[in-house]
Amino acid sequence: MLNSNKLEIIIKQLPPELQKEVEDFALFLLEKRANKRKKKSFLNQDWAGGLKEYRNVYTSLELQKKSLEWRGD
């Protein structure tokens, strides 16, 4: 692992425009890493409650089958 002091020394030796590139690239890497973590979430439940208007019309099993029909699966 790279020592942060060593990294700071290396960056200070660069001209300002390259220091900015290093900063931009580091921010890009952080964002890319955060996006990968978001994609690994298998149990995304932002849909929860989305079919509540049908709870008195269908049983849970029927609703599950209907939701697959509506999605086209």
PDB file of N, CA and C in Angstrom:
ATOM      1  N   MET A   1       0.843  -1.185   0.000  1.00  0.00           N
ATOM      2  CA  MET A   1       0.000   0.000   0.000  1.00  0.00           C
ATOM      3  C   MET A   1       0.886   1.245   0.000  1.00  0.00           C
ATOM      4  N   LEU A   2       0.455   2.241  -0.754  1.00  0.00           N
ATOM      5  CA  LEU A   2       1.223   3.470  -0.895  1.00  0.00           C
ATOM      6  C   LEU A   2       1.015   4.366   0.321  1.00  0.00           C
ATOM      7  N   ASN A   3       2.072   4.845   0.875  1.00  0.00           N
ATOM      8  CA  ASN A   3       2.043   5.749   2.016  1.00  0.00           C
ATOM      9  C   ASN A   3       1.495   7.102   1.555  1.00  0.00           C
ATOM     10  N   SER A   4       0.564   7.672   2.337  1.00  0.00           N
ATOM     11  CA  SER A   4      -0.049   8.945   1.932  1.00  0.00           C
ATOM     12  C   SER A   4       0.971  10.081   1.883  1.00  0.00           C
ATOM     13  N   ASN A   5       1.993  10.048   2.747  1.00  0.00           N
ATOM     14  CA  ASN A   5       3.040  11.079   2.690  1.00  0.00           C
ATOM     15  C   ASN A   5       3.834  10.977   1.392  1.00  0.00           C
ATOM     16  N   LYS A   6       4.121   9.737   0.991  1.00  0.00           N
ATOM     17  CA  LYS A   6       4.850   9.523  -0.259  1.00  0.00           C
ATOM     18  C   LYS A   6       4.020  10.019  -1.437  1.00  0.00           C
ATOM     19  N   LEU A   7       2.739   9.725  -1.409  1.00  0.00           N
ATOM     20  CA  LEU A   7       1.845  10.178  -2.472  1.00  0.00           C
ATOM     21  C   LEU A   7       1.794  11.705  -2.522  1.00  0.00           C
ATOM     22  N   GLU A   8       1.719  12.319  -1.374  1.00  0.00           N
ATOM     23  CA  GLU A   8       1.688  13.788  -1.312  1.00  0.00           C
ATOM     24  C   GLU A   8       2.971  14.383  -1.898  1.00  0.00           C
ATOM     25  N   ILE A   9       4.108  13.798  -1.593  1.00  0.00           N
ATOM     26  CA  ILE A   9       5.395  14.283  -2.119  1.00  0.00           C
ATOM     27  C   ILE A   9       5.420  14.170  -3.642  1.00  0.00           C
ATOM     28  N   ILE A  10       4.944  13.042  -4.141  1.00  0.00           N
ATOM     29  CA  ILE A  10       4.921  12.830  -5.590  1.00  0.00           C
ATOM     30  C   ILE A  10       4.012  13.859  -6.263  1.00  0.00           C
ATOM     31  N   ILE A  11       2.824  14.062  -5.701  1.00  0.00           N
ATOM     32  CA  ILE A  11       1.864  14.997  -6.302  1.00  0.00           C
ATOM     33  C   ILE A  11       2.404  16.423  -6.277  1.00  0.00           C
ATOM     34  N   LYS A  12       3.078  16.815  -5.210  1.00  0.00           N
ATOM     35  CA  LYS A  12       3.620  18.180  -5.113  1.00  0.00           C
ATOM     36  C   LYS A  12       4.692  18.451  -6.164  1.00  0.00           C
ATOM     37  N   GLN A  13       5.307  17.391  -6.683  1.00  0.00           N
ATOM     38  CA  GLN A  13       6.343  17.564  -7.707  1.00  0.00           C
ATOM     39  C   GLN A  13       5.733  17.813  -9.091  1.00  0.00           C
ATOM     40  N   LEU A  14       4.455  17.564  -9.223  1.00  0.00           N
ATOM     41  CA  LEU A  14       3.785  17.758 -10.508  1.00  0.00           C
ATOM     42  C   LEU A  14       3.392  19.215 -10.700  1.00  0.00           C
ATOM     43  N   PRO A  15       3.294  19.655 -11.950  1.00  0.00           N
ATOM     44  CA  PRO A  15       2.775  21.003 -12.196  1.00  0.00           C
ATOM     45  C   PRO A  15       1.283  21.057 -11.835  1.00  0.00           C
ATOM     46  N   PRO A  16       0.766  22.254 -11.555  1.00  0.00           N
ATOM     47  CA  PRO A  16      -0.621  22.405 -11.097  1.00  0.00           C
ATOM     48  C   PRO A  16      -1.670  21.725 -11.980  1.00  0.00           C
ATOM     49  N   GLU A  17      -1.502  21.792 -13.299  1.00  0.00           N
ATOM     50  CA  GLU A  17      -2.500  21.170 -14.168  1.00  0.00           C
ATOM     51  C   GLU A  17      -2.509  19.647 -14.026  1.00  0.00           C
ATOM     52  N   LEU A  18      -1.350  19.051 -13.784  1.00  0.00           N
ATOM     53  CA  LEU A  18      -1.303  17.604 -13.562  1.00  0.00           C
ATOM     54  C   LEU A  18      -1.801  17.239 -12.162  1.00  0.00           C
ATOM     55  N   GLN A  19      -1.573  18.116 -11.195  1.00  0.00           N
ATOM     56  CA  GLN A  19      -2.139  17.884  -9.860  1.00  0.00           C
ATOM     57  C   GLN A  19      -3.663  17.831  -9.947  1.00  0.00           C
ATOM     58  N   LYS A  20      -4.232  18.716 -10.764  1.00  0.00           N
ATOM     59  CA  LYS A  20      -5.687  18.732 -10.964  1.00  0.00           C
ATOM     60  C   LYS A  20      -6.148  17.428 -11.621  1.00  0.00           C
ATOM     61  N   GLU A  21      -5.371  16.919 -12.574  1.00  0.00           N
ATOM     62  CA  GLU A  21      -5.716  15.645 -13.215  1.00  0.00           C
ATOM     63  C   GLU A  21      -5.699  14.501 -12.207  1.00  0.00           C
ATOM     64  N   VAL A  22      -4.704  14.506 -11.318  1.00  0.00           N
ATOM     65  CA  VAL A  22      -4.622  13.476 -10.287  1.00  0.00           C
ATOM     66  C   VAL A  22      -5.844  13.547  -9.375  1.00  0.00           C
ATOM     67  N   GLU A  23      -6.224  14.763  -9.000  1.00  0.00           N
ATOM     68  CA  GLU A  23      -7.413  14.943  -8.154  1.00  0.00           C
ATOM     69  C   GLU A  23      -8.665  14.435  -8.874  1.00  0.00           C
ATOM     70  N   ASP A  24      -8.833  14.818 -10.141  1.00  0.00           N
ATOM     71  CA  ASP A  24      -9.997  14.377 -10.915  1.00  0.00           C
ATOM     72  C   ASP A  24     -10.035  12.862 -11.041  1.00  0.00           C
ATOM     73  N   PHE A  25      -8.876  12.259 -11.288  1.00  0.00           N
ATOM     74  CA  PHE A  25      -8.819  10.806 -11.440  1.00  0.00           C
ATOM     75  C   PHE A  25      -9.148  10.106 -10.128  1.00  0.00           C
ATOM     76  N   ALA A  26      -8.643  10.626  -9.018  1.00  0.00           N
ATOM     77  CA  ALA A  26      -8.942  10.033  -7.708  1.00  0.00           C
ATOM     78  C   ALA A  26     -10.435  10.111  -7.412  1.00  0.00           C
ATOM     79  N   LEU A  27     -11.053  11.235  -7.724  1.00  0.00           N
ATOM     80  CA  LEU A  27     -12.496  11.372  -7.527  1.00  0.00           C
ATOM     81  C   LEU A  27     -13.275  10.421  -8.426  1.00  0.00           C
ATOM     82  N   PHE A  28     -12.796  10.250  -9.659  1.00  0.00           N
ATOM     83  CA  PHE A  28     -13.410   9.298 -10.581  1.00  0.00           C
ATOM     84  C   PHE A  28     -13.351   7.886 -10.016  1.00  0.00           C
ATOM     85  N   LEU A  29     -12.196   7.496  -9.475  1.00  0.00           N
ATOM     86  CA  LEU A  29     -12.049   6.157  -8.900  1.00  0.00           C
ATOM     87  C   LEU A  29     -12.984   5.948  -7.717  1.00  0.00           C
ATOM     88  N   LEU A  30     -13.130   6.964  -6.889  1.00  0.00           N
ATOM     89  CA  LEU A  30     -14.041   6.855  -5.747  1.00  0.00           C
ATOM     90  C   LEU A  30     -15.489   6.689  -6.207  1.00  0.00           C
ATOM     91  N   GLU A  31     -15.865   7.457  -7.212  1.00  0.00           N
ATOM     92  CA  GLU A  31     -17.234   7.365  -7.726  1.00  0.00           C
ATOM     93  C   GLU A  31     -17.484   6.002  -8.372  1.00  0.00           C
ATOM     94  N   LYS A  32     -16.509   5.528  -9.125  1.00  0.00           N
ATOM     95  CA  LYS A  32     -16.620   4.219  -9.776  1.00  0.00           C
ATOM     96  C   LYS A  32     -16.780   3.115  -8.730  1.00  0.00           C
ATOM     97  N   ARG A  33     -16.026   3.213  -7.675  1.00  0.00           N
ATOM     98  CA  ARG A  33     -16.095   2.218  -6.592  1.00  0.00           C
ATOM     99  C   ARG A  33     -17.459   2.262  -5.906  1.00  0.00           C
ATOM    100  N   ALA A  34     -17.964   3.460  -5.668  1.00  0.00           N
ATOM    101  CA  ALA A  34     -19.279   3.617  -5.031  1.00  0.00           C
ATOM    102  C   ALA A  34     -20.375   3.039  -5.916  1.00  0.00           C
ATOM    103  N   ASN A  35     -20.272   3.249  -7.227  1.00  0.00           N
ATOM    104  CA  ASN A  35     -21.268   2.717  -8.162  1.00  0.00           C
ATOM    105  C   ASN A  35     -21.248   1.195  -8.195  1.00  0.00           C
ATOM    106  N   LYS A  36     -20.068   0.593  -8.098  1.00  0.00           N
ATOM    107  CA  LYS A  36     -19.970  -0.869  -8.068  1.00  0.00           C
ATOM    108  C   LYS A  36     -20.662  -1.417  -6.833  1.00  0.00           C
ATOM    109  N   ARG A  37     -20.494  -0.735  -5.713  1.00  0.00           N
ATOM    110  CA  ARG A  37     -21.130  -1.182  -4.477  1.00  0.00           C
ATOM    111  C   ARG A  37     -22.642  -1.098  -4.576  1.00  0.00           C
ATOM    112  N   LYS A  38     -23.140  -0.064  -5.240  1.00  0.00           N
ATOM    113  CA  LYS A  38     -24.584   0.089  -5.411  1.00  0.00           C
ATOM    114  C   LYS A  38     -25.150  -1.039  -6.266  1.00  0.00           C
ATOM    115  N   LYS A  39     -24.427  -1.415  -7.305  1.00  0.00           N
ATOM    116  CA  LYS A  39     -24.893  -2.459  -8.209  1.00  0.00           C
ATOM    117  C   LYS A  39     -24.928  -3.823  -7.538  1.00  0.00           C
ATOM    118  N   LYS A  40     -24.130  -4.038  -6.507  1.00  0.00           N
ATOM    119  CA  LYS A  40     -24.079  -5.326  -5.832  1.00  0.00           C
ATOM    120  C   LYS A  40     -25.267  -5.545  -4.905  1.00  0.00           C
ATOM    121  N   SER A  41     -26.075  -4.530  -4.722  1.00  0.00           N
ATOM    122  CA  SER A  41     -27.238  -4.656  -3.858  1.00  0.00           C
ATOM    123  C   SER A  41     -28.301  -5.493  -4.553  1.00  0.00           C
ATOM    124  N   PHE A  42     -28.450  -6.746  -4.135  1.00  0.00           N
ATOM    125  CA  PHE A  42     -29.381  -7.660  -4.776  1.00  0.00           C
ATOM    126  C   PHE A  42     -30.815  -7.415  -4.337  1.00  0.00           C
ATOM    127  N   LEU A  43     -31.006  -6.962  -3.137  1.00  0.00           N
ATOM    128  CA  LEU A  43     -32.349  -6.848  -2.584  1.00  0.00           C
ATOM    129  C   LEU A  43     -32.819  -5.399  -2.554  1.00  0.00           C
ATOM    130  N   ASN A  44     -32.770  -4.769  -3.687  1.00  0.00           N
ATOM    131  CA  ASN A  44     -33.255  -3.404  -3.798  1.00  0.00           C
ATOM    132  C   ASN A  44     -34.776  -3.427  -3.628  1.00  0.00           C
ATOM    133  N   GLN A  45     -35.283  -2.714  -2.643  1.00  0.00           N
ATOM    134  CA  GLN A  45     -36.716  -2.752  -2.369  1.00  0.00           C
ATOM    135  C   GLN A  45     -37.372  -1.393  -2.544  1.00  0.00           C
ATOM    136  N   ASP A  46     -36.906  -0.633  -3.513  1.00  0.00           N
ATOM    137  CA  ASP A  46     -37.522   0.673  -3.752  1.00  0.00           C
ATOM    138  C   ASP A  46     -38.923   0.540  -4.335  1.00  0.00           C
ATOM    139  N   TRP A  47     -39.303  -0.660  -4.732  1.00  0.00           N
ATOM    140  CA  TRP A  47     -40.636  -0.934  -5.262  1.00  0.00           C
ATOM    141  C   TRP A  47     -41.649  -1.229  -4.157  1.00  0.00           C
ATOM    142  N   ALA A  48     -41.187  -1.426  -2.927  1.00  0.00           N
ATOM    143  CA  ALA A  48     -42.059  -1.855  -1.822  1.00  0.00           C
ATOM    144  C   ALA A  48     -43.285  -0.951  -1.716  1.00  0.00           C
ATOM    145  N   GLY A  49     -44.436  -1.567  -1.647  1.00  0.00           N
ATOM    146  CA  GLY A  49     -45.692  -0.836  -1.541  1.00  0.00           C
ATOM    147  C   GLY A  49     -46.253  -0.388  -2.879  1.00  0.00           C
ATOM    148  N   GLY A  50     -45.542  -0.695  -3.955  1.00  0.00           N
ATOM    149  CA  GLY A  50     -45.960  -0.251  -5.279  1.00  0.00           C
ATOM    150  C   GLY A  50     -47.245  -0.894  -5.785  1.00  0.00           C
ATOM    151  N   LEU A  51     -47.626  -2.015  -5.223  1.00  0.00           N
ATOM    152  CA  LEU A  51     -48.842  -2.705  -5.672  1.00  0.00           C
ATOM    153  C   LEU A  51     -49.909  -2.739  -4.583  1.00  0.00           C
ATOM    154  N   LYS A  52     -49.827  -1.851  -3.618  1.00  0.00           N
ATOM    155  CA  LYS A  52     -50.738  -1.919  -2.471  1.00  0.00           C
ATOM    156  C   LYS A  52     -52.205  -1.716  -2.846  1.00  0.00           C
ATOM    157  N   GLU A  53     -52.470  -1.045  -3.973  1.00  0.00           N
ATOM    158  CA  GLU A  53     -53.871  -0.855  -4.362  1.00  0.00           C
ATOM    159  C   GLU A  53     -54.534  -2.164  -4.784  1.00  0.00           C
ATOM    160  N   TYR A  54     -53.718  -3.188  -5.019  1.00  0.00           N
ATOM    161  CA  TYR A  54     -54.254  -4.482  -5.438  1.00  0.00           C
ATOM    162  C   TYR A  54     -54.336  -5.506  -4.301  1.00  0.00           C
ATOM    163  N   ARG A  55     -53.951  -5.123  -3.110  1.00  0.00           N
ATOM    164  CA  ARG A  55     -53.885  -6.108  -2.019  1.00  0.00           C
ATOM    165  C   ARG A  55     -55.243  -6.699  -1.653  1.00  0.00           C
ATOM    166  N   ASN A  56     -56.319  -5.966  -1.886  1.00  0.00           N
ATOM    167  CA  ASN A  56     -57.654  -6.495  -1.590  1.00  0.00           C
ATOM    168  C   ASN A  56     -58.297  -7.171  -2.796  1.00  0.00           C
ATOM    169  N   VAL A  57     -57.617  -7.107  -3.946  1.00  0.00           N
ATOM    170  CA  VAL A  57     -58.152  -7.683  -5.175  1.00  0.00           C
ATOM    171  C   VAL A  57     -57.567  -9.075  -5.419  1.00  0.00           C
ATOM    172  N   TYR A  58     -56.289  -9.251  -5.104  1.00  0.00           N
ATOM    173  CA  TYR A  58     -55.593 -10.509  -5.379  1.00  0.00           C
ATOM    174  C   TYR A  58     -54.983 -11.072  -4.093  1.00  0.00           C
ATOM    175  N   THR A  59     -54.781 -12.396  -4.066  1.00  0.00           N
ATOM    176  CA  THR A  59     -53.986 -12.990  -2.983  1.00  0.00           C
ATOM    177  C   THR A  59     -52.524 -12.672  -3.278  1.00  0.00           C
ATOM    178  N   SER A  60     -51.662 -12.909  -2.320  1.00  0.00           N
ATOM    179  CA  SER A  60     -50.247 -12.594  -2.539  1.00  0.00           C
ATOM    180  C   SER A  60     -49.663 -13.410  -3.683  1.00  0.00           C
ATOM    181  N   LEU A  61     -50.074 -14.670  -3.814  1.00  0.00           N
ATOM    182  CA  LEU A  61     -49.582 -15.505  -4.907  1.00  0.00           C
ATOM    183  C   LEU A  61     -50.102 -14.998  -6.253  1.00  0.00           C
ATOM    184  N   GLU A  62     -51.369 -14.647  -6.308  1.00  0.00           N
ATOM    185  CA  GLU A  62     -51.929 -14.108  -7.545  1.00  0.00           C
ATOM    186  C   GLU A  62     -51.249 -12.789  -7.916  1.00  0.00           C
ATOM    187  N   LEU A  63     -51.016 -11.978  -6.920  1.00  0.00           N
ATOM    188  CA  LEU A  63     -50.356 -10.696  -7.150  1.00  0.00           C
ATOM    189  C   LEU A  63     -48.929 -10.899  -7.670  1.00  0.00           C
ATOM    190  N   GLN A  64     -48.246 -11.887  -7.133  1.00  0.00           N
ATOM    191  CA  GLN A  64     -46.903 -12.195  -7.615  1.00  0.00           C
ATOM    192  C   GLN A  64     -46.944 -12.591  -9.095  1.00  0.00           C
ATOM    193  N   LYS A  65     -47.884 -13.443  -9.456  1.00  0.00           N
ATOM    194  CA  LYS A  65     -48.018 -13.865 -10.852  1.00  0.00           C
ATOM    195  C   LYS A  65     -48.410 -12.691 -11.750  1.00  0.00           C
ATOM    196  N   LYS A  66     -49.336 -11.866 -11.281  1.00  0.00           N
ATOM    197  CA  LYS A  66     -49.758 -10.695 -12.054  1.00  0.00           C
ATOM    198  C   LYS A  66     -48.594  -9.728 -12.287  1.00  0.00           C
ATOM    199  N   SER A  67     -47.808  -9.499 -11.234  1.00  0.00           N
ATOM    200  CA  SER A  67     -46.701  -8.565 -11.369  1.00  0.00           C
ATOM    201  C   SER A  67     -45.701  -9.046 -12.429  1.00  0.00           C
ATOM    202  N   LEU A  68     -45.501 -10.367 -12.517  1.00  0.00           N
ATOM    203  CA  LEU A  68     -44.632 -10.905 -13.563  1.00  0.00           C
ATOM    204  C   LEU A  68     -45.249 -10.696 -14.927  1.00  0.00           C
ATOM    205  N   GLU A  69     -46.551 -10.854 -15.039  1.00  0.00           N
ATOM    206  CA  GLU A  69     -47.258 -10.594 -16.300  1.00  0.00           C
ATOM    207  C   GLU A  69     -47.084  -9.141 -16.707  1.00  0.00           C
ATOM    208  N   TRP A  70     -47.320  -8.233 -15.768  1.00  0.00           N
ATOM    209  CA  TRP A  70     -47.248  -6.799 -16.054  1.00  0.00           C
ATOM    210  C   TRP A  70     -45.850  -6.370 -16.446  1.00  0.00           C
ATOM    211  N   ARG A  71     -44.839  -7.031 -15.865  1.00  0.00           N
ATOM    212  CA  ARG A  71     -43.457  -6.705 -16.207  1.00  0.00           C
ATOM    213  C   ARG A  71     -43.044  -7.318 -17.531  1.00  0.00           C
ATOM    214  N   GLY A  72     -43.794  -8.320 -17.989  1.00  0.00           N
ATOM    215  CA  GLY A  72     -43.463  -8.972 -19.245  1.00  0.00           C
ATOM    216  C   GLY A  72     -42.519 -10.151 -19.079  1.00  0.00           C
ATOM    217  N   ASP A  73     -42.370 -10.653 -17.846  1.00  0.00           N
ATOM    218  CA  ASP A  73     -41.497 -11.810 -17.591  1.00  0.00           C
ATOM    219  C   ASP A  73     -42.223 -13.122 -17.843  1.00  0.00           C
TER     220      ASP A  73
END
